[in-house]
Amino acid sequence: MSINETKKSFLEKETTRREFLKLSGKGIGGTFISLSLLNLLGCTNPNVEEVAAFPLAQGVLIADRSKCTGCQRCETNCSLANDGKLMPYISRVKVSRNYYFGTEGPKIAYWKEDGQFGNLLMSPETCRQCAEPYCKKACPAGAIEANEIGARVVNAEKCVGCGNCTEACPWHLPTVDPETNKSTKCVNCGMCATNCPTGALKIVAWDEVKYAMRKLGYKAV
């Protein structure tokens, strides 16, 4: 079967965001967690009700939108650390594409919505490291593998640059480098969190998350 036939076969399968989230990890992965839980994890802001949290191999990457200024330094550091060049387009963490209107794009009442033209809340996005990733299933070359810490990464030697992984991901996070024709994907290096000037990105160990969940009466996974 050709690459185009494989892509068509996969993408024609009807899937919903709810179905995807059932496969995207355990517990709070791929969802929003309450401010009360985040308070126990060291993220506090009375003006924000929820922040995005996604599962990583070694813990959870919490993106506190109330602290993100949209400086895009995370994108710069990510591409420099992982690709040796300054190319925000291929960054594993995405901020610039959501800068003006948030993750859902322009709306009629845009001034009430996320982004620079709205409520000024930025929307950093990064790989969910799903338990059963669609990107891996869609790759005809089997180029997406788990590394030593469990992160789903791209094996550049196998990648054919078809872009199936990008289209299969509900958040379109894997990105094909136009110069190398190889897909790029988060490797859980933490460079974005380490160099965030406001502390908007933070990696929290799963043990800390489970402890906080138990304190609040959640069933920890």
Protein backbone atom coordinates (compact mmCIF):
# COMPACT_ATOMS: atom_id res chain seq x y z
CA MET A 1 0.00 0.00 0.00
CA SER A 2 1.37 3.44 -0.92
CA ILE A 3 1.90 6.26 1.58
CA ASN A 4 -1.06 8.20 0.18
CA GLU A 5 -3.31 5.14 0.39
CA THR A 6 -2.20 4.51 3.97
CA LYS A 7 -2.86 8.13 4.89
CA LYS A 8 -6.32 8.09 3.29
CA SER A 9 -7.26 4.82 4.97
CA PHE A 10 -6.26 6.09 8.40
CA LEU A 11 -7.67 9.58 8.19
CA GLU A 12 -11.03 8.38 6.87
CA LYS A 13 -11.67 6.56 10.14
CA GLU A 14 -14.24 8.54 12.08
CA THR A 15 -12.84 9.60 15.44
CA THR A 16 -13.88 12.20 17.94
CA ARG A 17 -11.95 14.23 20.49
CA ARG A 18 -13.72 12.32 23.27
CA GLU A 19 -12.68 8.98 21.79
CA PHE A 20 -9.12 10.23 21.43
CA LEU A 21 -8.93 11.37 25.03
CA LYS A 22 -9.98 7.91 26.16
CA LEU A 23 -6.78 6.63 24.54
CA SER A 24 -4.51 9.55 25.31
CA GLY A 25 -3.37 8.59 28.79
CA LYS A 26 -4.53 7.79 32.31
CA GLY A 27 -6.06 9.95 35.02
CA ILE A 28 -5.85 13.66 34.37
CA GLY A 29 -3.84 13.35 31.14
CA GLY A 30 -5.09 15.41 28.20
CA THR A 31 -7.68 17.23 30.31
CA PHE A 32 -7.96 20.31 32.48
CA ILE A 33 -7.31 20.07 36.20
CA SER A 34 -8.80 22.36 38.81
CA LEU A 35 -7.04 25.29 40.43
CA SER A 36 -7.35 23.60 43.85
CA LEU A 37 -5.18 20.75 42.62
CA LEU A 38 -2.74 23.13 40.98
CA ASN A 39 -2.41 25.08 44.25
CA LEU A 40 -0.96 21.96 45.81
CA LEU A 41 1.46 21.72 42.89
CA GLY A 42 2.70 25.28 43.36
CA CYS A 43 0.61 27.03 40.68
CA THR A 44 -1.58 29.75 42.16
CA ASN A 45 -3.50 32.58 40.55
CA PRO A 46 -6.94 33.74 41.78
CA ASN A 47 -7.85 35.11 38.34
CA VAL A 48 -7.59 31.83 36.48
CA GLU A 49 -9.91 28.88 37.03
CA GLU A 50 -8.02 26.19 35.14
CA VAL A 51 -4.76 25.53 33.33
CA ALA A 52 -3.88 22.85 30.82
CA ALA A 53 -2.02 19.74 31.95
CA PHE A 54 -0.73 16.90 29.81
CA PRO A 55 0.97 13.62 30.74
CA LEU A 56 4.69 13.22 30.13
CA ALA A 57 6.79 10.12 30.61
CA GLN A 58 8.45 11.45 33.75
CA GLY A 59 5.52 13.52 34.97
CA VAL A 60 3.12 16.22 33.91
CA LEU A 61 3.93 19.36 31.96
CA ILE A 62 1.71 22.11 33.36
CA ALA A 63 1.17 25.18 31.21
CA ASP A 64 -0.02 28.02 33.45
CA ARG A 65 -1.60 30.39 30.95
CA SER A 66 -1.87 33.16 33.54
CA LYS A 67 1.94 33.37 33.56
CA CYS A 68 2.60 32.97 29.83
CA THR A 69 3.43 36.29 28.16
CA GLY A 70 3.67 34.88 24.67
CA CYS A 71 7.38 35.69 24.41
CA GLN A 72 7.92 32.44 22.47
CA ARG A 73 11.30 31.89 24.09
CA CYS A 74 10.28 28.27 24.64
CA GLU A 75 9.98 27.79 20.88
CA THR A 76 13.41 29.29 20.30
CA ASN A 77 15.12 27.20 22.97
CA CYS A 78 13.36 24.04 21.83
CA SER A 79 14.53 24.29 18.22
CA LEU A 80 18.05 25.31 19.22
CA ALA A 81 18.42 22.45 21.70
CA ASN A 82 16.88 19.75 19.53
CA ASP A 83 17.74 20.86 16.00
CA GLY A 84 20.74 23.13 16.38
CA LYS A 85 19.01 26.01 14.63
CA LEU A 86 16.61 28.82 15.42
CA MET A 87 13.38 27.76 13.72
CA PRO A 88 10.27 28.27 15.91
CA TYR A 89 8.11 26.65 13.22
CA ILE A 90 9.47 23.20 14.09
CA SER A 91 9.44 23.75 17.85
CA ARG A 92 7.83 20.93 19.82
CA VAL A 93 6.01 23.47 21.97
CA LYS A 94 3.58 25.74 20.11
CA VAL A 95 2.79 29.29 21.22
CA SER A 96 3.11 31.59 18.20
CA ARG A 97 0.35 29.92 16.20
CA ASN A 98 -2.09 30.61 19.06
CA TYR A 99 -0.75 34.08 19.85
CA TYR A 100 -3.54 36.26 18.49
CA PHE A 101 -6.71 34.16 18.84
CA GLY A 102 -5.93 31.13 21.02
CA THR A 103 -6.20 27.49 19.98
CA GLU A 104 -9.65 27.76 18.39
CA GLY A 105 -8.85 30.60 15.98
CA PRO A 106 -10.73 33.85 15.31
CA LYS A 107 -14.30 34.16 16.55
CA ILE A 108 -16.92 36.85 16.09
CA ALA A 109 -16.52 38.12 19.65
CA TYR A 110 -12.74 37.71 19.49
CA TRP A 111 -12.15 40.40 22.13
CA LYS A 112 -13.68 38.07 24.73
CA GLU A 113 -11.64 35.04 23.73
CA ASP A 114 -8.04 33.90 24.26
CA GLY A 115 -5.05 35.57 22.69
CA GLN A 116 -3.42 38.94 22.19
CA PHE A 117 -6.55 40.36 20.57
CA GLY A 118 -8.75 39.08 23.40
CA ASN A 119 -8.19 38.38 27.10
CA LEU A 120 -4.39 38.19 26.70
CA LEU A 121 -4.28 34.56 27.89
CA MET A 122 -1.75 32.61 25.84
CA SER A 123 -2.09 28.92 25.00
CA PRO A 124 1.21 26.97 25.07
CA GLU A 125 0.71 23.53 23.52
CA THR A 126 3.00 20.54 23.69
CA CYS A 127 2.87 16.82 22.97
CA ARG A 128 0.52 14.83 25.23
CA GLN A 129 2.74 11.73 24.96
CA CYS A 130 -0.43 9.68 24.54
CA ALA A 131 -0.63 6.11 25.80
CA GLU A 132 -1.78 4.96 22.36
CA PRO A 133 -0.66 7.78 20.05
CA TYR A 134 -2.47 8.34 16.77
CA CYS A 135 0.75 9.70 15.26
CA LYS A 136 2.46 6.34 15.78
CA LYS A 137 -0.49 4.43 14.35
CA ALA A 138 -0.57 6.68 11.28
CA CYS A 139 3.14 6.45 10.50
CA PRO A 140 3.63 4.07 7.53
CA ALA A 141 7.35 3.73 8.24
CA GLY A 142 7.10 2.91 11.95
CA ALA A 143 9.28 5.91 12.71
CA ILE A 144 7.65 6.89 16.01
CA GLU A 145 9.12 4.96 18.92
CA ALA A 146 9.42 5.19 22.70
CA ASN A 147 12.79 6.40 24.00
CA GLU A 148 14.52 5.45 27.26
CA ILE A 149 12.15 7.56 29.38
CA GLY A 150 9.02 6.45 27.58
CA ALA A 151 8.52 9.54 25.41
CA ARG A 152 7.14 8.93 21.93
CA VAL A 153 9.81 10.31 19.60
CA VAL A 154 10.62 10.29 15.88
CA ASN A 155 13.38 8.03 14.57
CA ALA A 156 14.82 10.29 11.87
CA GLU A 157 16.43 7.37 10.05
CA LYS A 158 13.01 5.81 9.45
CA CYS A 159 10.98 9.00 8.90
CA VAL A 160 9.96 9.62 5.28
CA GLY A 161 8.51 13.08 5.88
CA CYS A 162 5.00 12.17 4.71
CA GLY A 163 3.26 14.28 7.38
CA ASN A 164 0.82 11.54 8.42
CA CYS A 165 1.70 12.11 12.06
CA THR A 166 0.81 15.79 11.83
CA GLU A 167 -2.57 15.14 10.26
CA ALA A 168 -3.40 12.27 12.60
CA CYS A 169 -2.66 14.25 15.78
CA PRO A 170 -5.83 16.10 16.91
CA TRP A 171 -3.60 19.03 17.92
CA HIS A 172 -1.31 18.86 14.86
CA LEU A 173 1.79 18.94 17.05
CA PRO A 174 4.36 16.85 15.12
CA THR A 175 5.90 19.11 12.47
CA VAL A 176 7.86 18.20 9.36
CA ASP A 177 11.06 20.22 9.03
CA PRO A 178 10.97 21.75 5.51
CA GLU A 179 14.79 21.69 5.34
CA THR A 180 15.39 18.07 6.35
CA ASN A 181 11.98 16.63 5.36
CA LYS A 182 11.89 14.84 8.72
CA SER A 183 9.18 15.09 11.33
CA THR A 184 9.96 16.68 14.70
CA LYS A 185 8.31 15.73 17.95
CA CYS A 186 8.70 16.34 21.70
CA VAL A 187 11.40 14.25 23.38
CA ASN A 188 10.60 15.40 26.95
CA CYS A 189 13.91 17.22 27.34
CA GLY A 190 12.32 19.94 29.48
CA MET A 191 14.20 22.73 27.70
CA CYS A 192 11.00 24.76 27.30
CA ALA A 193 10.22 24.63 31.03
CA THR A 194 13.81 25.21 32.16
CA ASN A 195 14.16 28.40 30.12
CA CYS A 196 10.68 29.88 30.58
CA PRO A 197 11.33 33.36 32.11
CA THR A 198 8.00 33.50 33.95
CA GLY A 199 7.72 29.88 35.06
CA ALA A 200 4.62 29.31 32.93
CA LEU A 201 5.86 25.84 31.99
CA LYS A 202 6.58 23.38 34.76
CA ILE A 203 7.26 19.65 34.84
CA VAL A 204 5.77 17.98 37.90
CA ALA A 205 6.69 14.40 38.86
CA TRP A 206 3.81 11.90 38.84
CA ASP A 207 4.36 11.14 42.54
CA GLU A 208 3.63 14.78 43.36
CA VAL A 209 0.52 14.72 41.20
CA LYS A 210 -0.76 11.54 42.87
CA TYR A 211 -0.13 13.02 46.33
CA ALA A 212 -2.02 16.20 45.43
CA MET A 213 -4.90 14.17 43.98
CA ARG A 214 -5.18 12.07 47.15
CA LYS A 215 -5.21 15.25 49.29
CA LEU A 216 -8.21 16.46 47.31
CA GLY A 217 -10.00 13.12 47.36
CA TYR A 218 -9.25 12.12 43.78
CA LYS A 219 -8.47 8.51 42.93
CA ALA A 220 -4.80 8.61 41.98
CA VAL A 221 -3.68 6.39 39.10
